[in-house]
Amino acid sequence: MGLRVFINLITFPGVIFHEFSHYFFCKLTGIKVKKVCFFRFGNPSGYVVHEIPKAYSKEILISLSPLIFNSLIAILFFILGHSRLPFLWYWLGFSAGFNAFPSNKDASALWRFHFKRKKFNPITLGLSLILGVVVWLINILRYIWFDAIYVSFLFWISKFIMF
């Protein structure tokens, strides 16, 4: 078993938070959820299948929700870990932060929004291109442990908030 597979196994709570964020933001924006798997041993390790929103802002919110939700919850867990039960809270914070980045599938959802319509807005298409490329680059950088660097950054933010 490789190190990356081991890390993915021990960070399973972060996968659950990641998928829950998609699910929560679908519900928050009134988008019908067709199927949910918060965690499984397989590829992908979790997923949320939902209707395509009519408003592009909802698609952006749903696609990027793990970055928002997992980052905030990681910082909260790190803050809790600074005061008590550090192993538990740091593990949950690391798990959440490690799984904060949207997947390539999430980036593809931004494109899917346009290709399912006969007419589309060039501004939102351009935004999709930019966001999609950024997400894909981040996922490429995960091969050099960019997600672990991001977790360190979130930990530093939590220390900064404490003082």
C-alpha atoms as a PDB file:
ATOM      1  CA  MET A   1       0.000   0.000   0.000  1.00  0.00           C
ATOM      2  CA  GLY A   2       1.403   3.381  -1.044  1.00  0.00           C
ATOM      3  CA  LEU A   3       1.654   6.405   1.219  1.00  0.00           C
ATOM      4  CA  ARG A   4      -1.069   8.271  -0.718  1.00  0.00           C
ATOM      5  CA  VAL A   5      -3.500   5.330  -0.317  1.00  0.00           C
ATOM      6  CA  PHE A   6      -2.703   5.150   3.408  1.00  0.00           C
ATOM      7  CA  ILE A   7      -3.326   8.893   3.813  1.00  0.00           C
ATOM      8  CA  ASN A   8      -6.615   8.583   1.927  1.00  0.00           C
ATOM      9  CA  LEU A   9      -7.719   5.787   4.262  1.00  0.00           C
ATOM     10  CA  ILE A  10      -6.926   7.670   7.453  1.00  0.00           C
ATOM     11  CA  THR A  11      -8.528  10.878   6.183  1.00  0.00           C
ATOM     12  CA  PHE A  12     -11.925   9.304   5.473  1.00  0.00           C
ATOM     13  CA  PRO A  13     -13.749  11.808   7.736  1.00  0.00           C
ATOM     14  CA  GLY A  14     -12.595  14.534   5.345  1.00  0.00           C
ATOM     15  CA  VAL A  15     -14.217  12.691   2.435  1.00  0.00           C
ATOM     16  CA  ILE A  16     -17.466  12.584   4.403  1.00  0.00           C
ATOM     17  CA  PHE A  17     -17.215  16.341   5.086  1.00  0.00           C
ATOM     18  CA  HIS A  18     -16.399  16.959   1.393  1.00  0.00           C
ATOM     19  CA  GLU A  19     -19.470  15.082   0.150  1.00  0.00           C
ATOM     20  CA  PHE A  20     -21.652  16.486   2.925  1.00  0.00           C
ATOM     21  CA  SER A  21     -20.722  20.000   1.769  1.00  0.00           C
ATOM     22  CA  HIS A  22     -21.980  19.204  -1.755  1.00  0.00           C
ATOM     23  CA  TYR A  23     -25.152  17.694  -0.300  1.00  0.00           C
ATOM     24  CA  PHE A  24     -25.705  20.600   2.117  1.00  0.00           C
ATOM     25  CA  PHE A  25     -25.234  23.274  -0.556  1.00  0.00           C
ATOM     26  CA  CYS A  26     -27.582  21.407  -2.909  1.00  0.00           C
ATOM     27  CA  LYS A  27     -30.244  21.466  -0.203  1.00  0.00           C
ATOM     28  CA  LEU A  28     -29.442  25.084   0.670  1.00  0.00           C
ATOM     29  CA  THR A  29     -29.880  26.196  -2.947  1.00  0.00           C
ATOM     30  CA  GLY A  30     -32.951  24.038  -3.604  1.00  0.00           C
ATOM     31  CA  ILE A  31     -31.232  21.650  -6.036  1.00  0.00           C
ATOM     32  CA  LYS A  32     -32.641  18.120  -6.078  1.00  0.00           C
ATOM     33  CA  VAL A  33     -30.178  15.441  -4.979  1.00  0.00           C
ATOM     34  CA  LYS A  34     -30.562  12.191  -6.920  1.00  0.00           C
ATOM     35  CA  LYS A  35     -27.998   9.990  -5.166  1.00  0.00           C
ATOM     36  CA  VAL A  36     -25.514  10.353  -2.294  1.00  0.00           C
ATOM     37  CA  CYS A  37     -22.599   8.261  -1.079  1.00  0.00           C
ATOM     38  CA  PHE A  38     -20.744   9.989   1.734  1.00  0.00           C
ATOM     39  CA  PHE A  39     -17.958   7.392   1.854  1.00  0.00           C
ATOM     40  CA  ARG A  40     -17.011   4.052   0.349  1.00  0.00           C
ATOM     41  CA  PHE A  41     -13.880   2.062  -0.286  1.00  0.00           C
ATOM     42  CA  GLY A  42     -13.442   2.584  -4.012  1.00  0.00           C
ATOM     43  CA  ASN A  43     -12.987   5.226  -6.643  1.00  0.00           C
ATOM     44  CA  PRO A  44     -14.498   7.702  -6.154  1.00  0.00           C
ATOM     45  CA  SER A  45     -14.549   7.425  -2.387  1.00  0.00           C
ATOM     46  CA  GLY A  46     -17.759   9.457  -2.260  1.00  0.00           C
ATOM     47  CA  TYR A  47     -20.124  11.350  -4.533  1.00  0.00           C
ATOM     48  CA  VAL A  48     -23.288  13.424  -4.779  1.00  0.00           C
ATOM     49  CA  VAL A  49     -25.375  13.244  -7.937  1.00  0.00           C
ATOM     50  CA  HIS A  50     -27.690  16.221  -8.337  1.00  0.00           C
ATOM     51  CA  GLU A  51     -29.752  18.043 -10.914  1.00  0.00           C
ATOM     52  CA  ILE A  52     -28.039  20.716 -12.959  1.00  0.00           C
ATOM     53  CA  PRO A  53     -28.938  24.091 -11.431  1.00  0.00           C
ATOM     54  CA  LYS A  54     -30.593  26.720 -13.607  1.00  0.00           C
ATOM     55  CA  ALA A  55     -28.455  29.471 -12.072  1.00  0.00           C
ATOM     56  CA  TYR A  56     -24.710  29.343 -12.605  1.00  0.00           C
ATOM     57  CA  SER A  57     -24.080  30.844  -9.162  1.00  0.00           C
ATOM     58  CA  LYS A  58     -25.636  27.737  -7.606  1.00  0.00           C
ATOM     59  CA  GLU A  59     -23.373  25.458  -9.669  1.00  0.00           C
ATOM     60  CA  ILE A  60     -20.299  27.393  -8.539  1.00  0.00           C
ATOM     61  CA  LEU A  61     -21.418  27.224  -4.906  1.00  0.00           C
ATOM     62  CA  ILE A  62     -22.090  23.478  -5.063  1.00  0.00           C
ATOM     63  CA  SER A  63     -18.878  22.681  -6.970  1.00  0.00           C
ATOM     64  CA  LEU A  64     -16.621  24.771  -4.732  1.00  0.00           C
ATOM     65  CA  SER A  65     -18.436  23.989  -1.463  1.00  0.00           C
ATOM     66  CA  PRO A  66     -15.770  21.568  -0.164  1.00  0.00           C
ATOM     67  CA  LEU A  67     -13.138  24.301  -0.313  1.00  0.00           C
ATOM     68  CA  ILE A  68     -15.341  26.587   1.783  1.00  0.00           C
ATOM     69  CA  PHE A  69     -16.836  24.025   4.185  1.00  0.00           C
ATOM     70  CA  ASN A  70     -13.831  21.751   4.736  1.00  0.00           C
ATOM     71  CA  SER A  71     -11.464  24.700   5.204  1.00  0.00           C
ATOM     72  CA  LEU A  72     -13.703  26.307   7.824  1.00  0.00           C
ATOM     73  CA  ILE A  73     -14.331  23.065   9.671  1.00  0.00           C
ATOM     74  CA  ALA A  74     -10.605  22.199   9.589  1.00  0.00           C
ATOM     75  CA  ILE A  75      -9.772  25.542  11.197  1.00  0.00           C
ATOM     76  CA  LEU A  76     -12.483  24.947  13.835  1.00  0.00           C
ATOM     77  CA  PHE A  77     -11.122  21.458  14.610  1.00  0.00           C
ATOM     78  CA  PHE A  78      -7.561  22.808  14.870  1.00  0.00           C
ATOM     79  CA  ILE A  79      -8.730  25.520  17.285  1.00  0.00           C
ATOM     80  CA  LEU A  80     -10.458  22.874  19.409  1.00  0.00           C
ATOM     81  CA  GLY A  81      -7.268  20.792  19.299  1.00  0.00           C
ATOM     82  CA  HIS A  82      -5.196  23.653  20.668  1.00  0.00           C
ATOM     83  CA  SER A  83      -7.111  23.412  23.932  1.00  0.00           C
ATOM     84  CA  ARG A  84      -8.093  19.765  24.506  1.00  0.00           C
ATOM     85  CA  LEU A  85      -7.915  16.283  23.009  1.00  0.00           C
ATOM     86  CA  PRO A  86      -5.386  17.395  20.401  1.00  0.00           C
ATOM     87  CA  PHE A  87      -5.039  14.014  18.683  1.00  0.00           C
ATOM     88  CA  LEU A  88      -8.773  13.731  17.925  1.00  0.00           C
ATOM     89  CA  TRP A  89      -9.278  17.329  16.801  1.00  0.00           C
ATOM     90  CA  TYR A  90      -6.012  17.546  14.856  1.00  0.00           C
ATOM     91  CA  TRP A  91      -6.862  14.289  13.053  1.00  0.00           C
ATOM     92  CA  LEU A  92     -10.311  15.610  12.112  1.00  0.00           C
ATOM     93  CA  GLY A  93      -8.802  18.965  11.084  1.00  0.00           C
ATOM     94  CA  PHE A  94      -6.153  17.285   8.969  1.00  0.00           C
ATOM     95  CA  SER A  95      -8.791  15.016   7.411  1.00  0.00           C
ATOM     96  CA  ALA A  96     -11.066  17.931   6.550  1.00  0.00           C
ATOM     97  CA  GLY A  97      -8.291  20.137   5.201  1.00  0.00           C
ATOM     98  CA  PHE A  98      -6.694  17.333   3.213  1.00  0.00           C
ATOM     99  CA  ASN A  99     -10.004  16.795   1.385  1.00  0.00           C
ATOM    100  CA  ALA A 100     -10.917  20.471   0.965  1.00  0.00           C
ATOM    101  CA  PHE A 101     -10.041  20.840  -2.685  1.00  0.00           C
ATOM    102  CA  PRO A 102     -12.773  20.241  -5.240  1.00  0.00           C
ATOM    103  CA  SER A 103     -12.143  17.215  -7.428  1.00  0.00           C
ATOM    104  CA  ASN A 104     -11.699  17.209 -11.178  1.00  0.00           C
ATOM    105  CA  LYS A 105     -15.267  15.872 -11.303  1.00  0.00           C
ATOM    106  CA  ASP A 106     -16.367  19.011  -9.433  1.00  0.00           C
ATOM    107  CA  ALA A 107     -14.527  21.146 -11.994  1.00  0.00           C
ATOM    108  CA  SER A 108     -16.230  19.215 -14.802  1.00  0.00           C
ATOM    109  CA  ALA A 109     -19.604  20.121 -13.296  1.00  0.00           C
ATOM    110  CA  LEU A 110     -18.816  23.758 -14.015  1.00  0.00           C
ATOM    111  CA  TRP A 111     -18.437  22.874 -17.712  1.00  0.00           C
ATOM    112  CA  ARG A 112     -21.435  20.559 -17.700  1.00  0.00           C
ATOM    113  CA  PHE A 113     -23.559  23.551 -16.797  1.00  0.00           C
ATOM    114  CA  HIS A 114     -22.833  25.136 -20.205  1.00  0.00           C
ATOM    115  CA  PHE A 115     -22.960  22.095 -22.428  1.00  0.00           C
ATOM    116  CA  LYS A 116     -26.436  21.104 -21.224  1.00  0.00           C
ATOM    117  CA  ARG A 117     -27.878  24.409 -22.483  1.00  0.00           C
ATOM    118  CA  LYS A 118     -28.472  25.729 -25.983  1.00  0.00           C
ATOM    119  CA  LYS A 119     -27.477  29.274 -25.042  1.00  0.00           C
ATOM    120  CA  PHE A 120     -24.820  30.289 -22.578  1.00  0.00           C
ATOM    121  CA  ASN A 121     -23.266  33.440 -21.239  1.00  0.00           C
ATOM    122  CA  PRO A 122     -19.667  34.100 -22.380  1.00  0.00           C
ATOM    123  CA  ILE A 123     -18.845  35.606 -18.977  1.00  0.00           C
ATOM    124  CA  THR A 124     -19.876  32.477 -17.068  1.00  0.00           C
ATOM    125  CA  LEU A 125     -18.171  30.329 -19.688  1.00  0.00           C
ATOM    126  CA  GLY A 126     -14.950  32.285 -19.119  1.00  0.00           C
ATOM    127  CA  LEU A 127     -15.362  31.959 -15.364  1.00  0.00           C
ATOM    128  CA  SER A 128     -15.892  28.207 -15.801  1.00  0.00           C
ATOM    129  CA  LEU A 129     -12.689  27.982 -17.779  1.00  0.00           C
ATOM    130  CA  ILE A 130     -10.685  29.856 -15.161  1.00  0.00           C
ATOM    131  CA  LEU A 131     -12.141  27.971 -12.181  1.00  0.00           C
ATOM    132  CA  GLY A 132     -11.860  24.631 -13.966  1.00  0.00           C
ATOM    133  CA  VAL A 133      -8.206  25.189 -14.850  1.00  0.00           C
ATOM    134  CA  VAL A 134      -7.404  26.294 -11.269  1.00  0.00           C
ATOM    135  CA  VAL A 135      -9.077  23.174  -9.816  1.00  0.00           C
ATOM    136  CA  TRP A 136      -7.293  20.900 -12.298  1.00  0.00           C
ATOM    137  CA  LEU A 137      -3.937  22.544 -11.509  1.00  0.00           C
ATOM    138  CA  ILE A 138      -4.535  22.121  -7.783  1.00  0.00           C
ATOM    139  CA  ASN A 139      -5.333  18.454  -8.330  1.00  0.00           C
ATOM    140  CA  ILE A 140      -2.127  18.035 -10.340  1.00  0.00           C
ATOM    141  CA  LEU A 141      -0.216  19.740  -7.508  1.00  0.00           C
ATOM    142  CA  ARG A 142      -1.644  17.134  -5.104  1.00  0.00           C
ATOM    143  CA  TYR A 143       0.980  14.776  -6.532  1.00  0.00           C
ATOM    144  CA  ILE A 144       3.583  16.923  -4.797  1.00  0.00           C
ATOM    145  CA  TRP A 145       1.482  17.080  -1.611  1.00  0.00           C
ATOM    146  CA  PHE A 146      -0.063  20.507  -2.159  1.00  0.00           C
ATOM    147  CA  ASP A 147      -3.030  19.368  -0.055  1.00  0.00           C
ATOM    148  CA  ALA A 148      -0.697  18.727   2.896  1.00  0.00           C
ATOM    149  CA  ILE A 149       0.824  22.194   2.434  1.00  0.00           C
ATOM    150  CA  TYR A 150      -2.706  23.624   2.437  1.00  0.00           C
ATOM    151  CA  VAL A 151      -3.500  21.786   5.699  1.00  0.00           C
ATOM    152  CA  SER A 152      -0.382  23.356   7.238  1.00  0.00           C
ATOM    153  CA  PHE A 153      -1.639  26.754   6.106  1.00  0.00           C
ATOM    154  CA  LEU A 154      -5.047  26.103   7.739  1.00  0.00           C
ATOM    155  CA  PHE A 155      -3.282  25.003  10.942  1.00  0.00           C
ATOM    156  CA  TRP A 156      -1.277  28.243  10.918  1.00  0.00           C
ATOM    157  CA  ILE A 157      -4.494  30.256  10.469  1.00  0.00           C
ATOM    158  CA  SER A 158      -6.002  28.471  13.472  1.00  0.00           C
ATOM    159  CA  LYS A 159      -2.962  29.395  15.578  1.00  0.00           C
ATOM    160  CA  PHE A 160      -3.216  32.986  14.373  1.00  0.00           C
ATOM    161  CA  ILE A 161      -6.928  33.127  15.316  1.00  0.00           C
ATOM    162  CA  MET A 162      -6.144  31.829  18.816  1.00  0.00           C
ATOM    163  CA  PHE A 163      -3.856  34.765  19.606  1.00  0.00           C
END
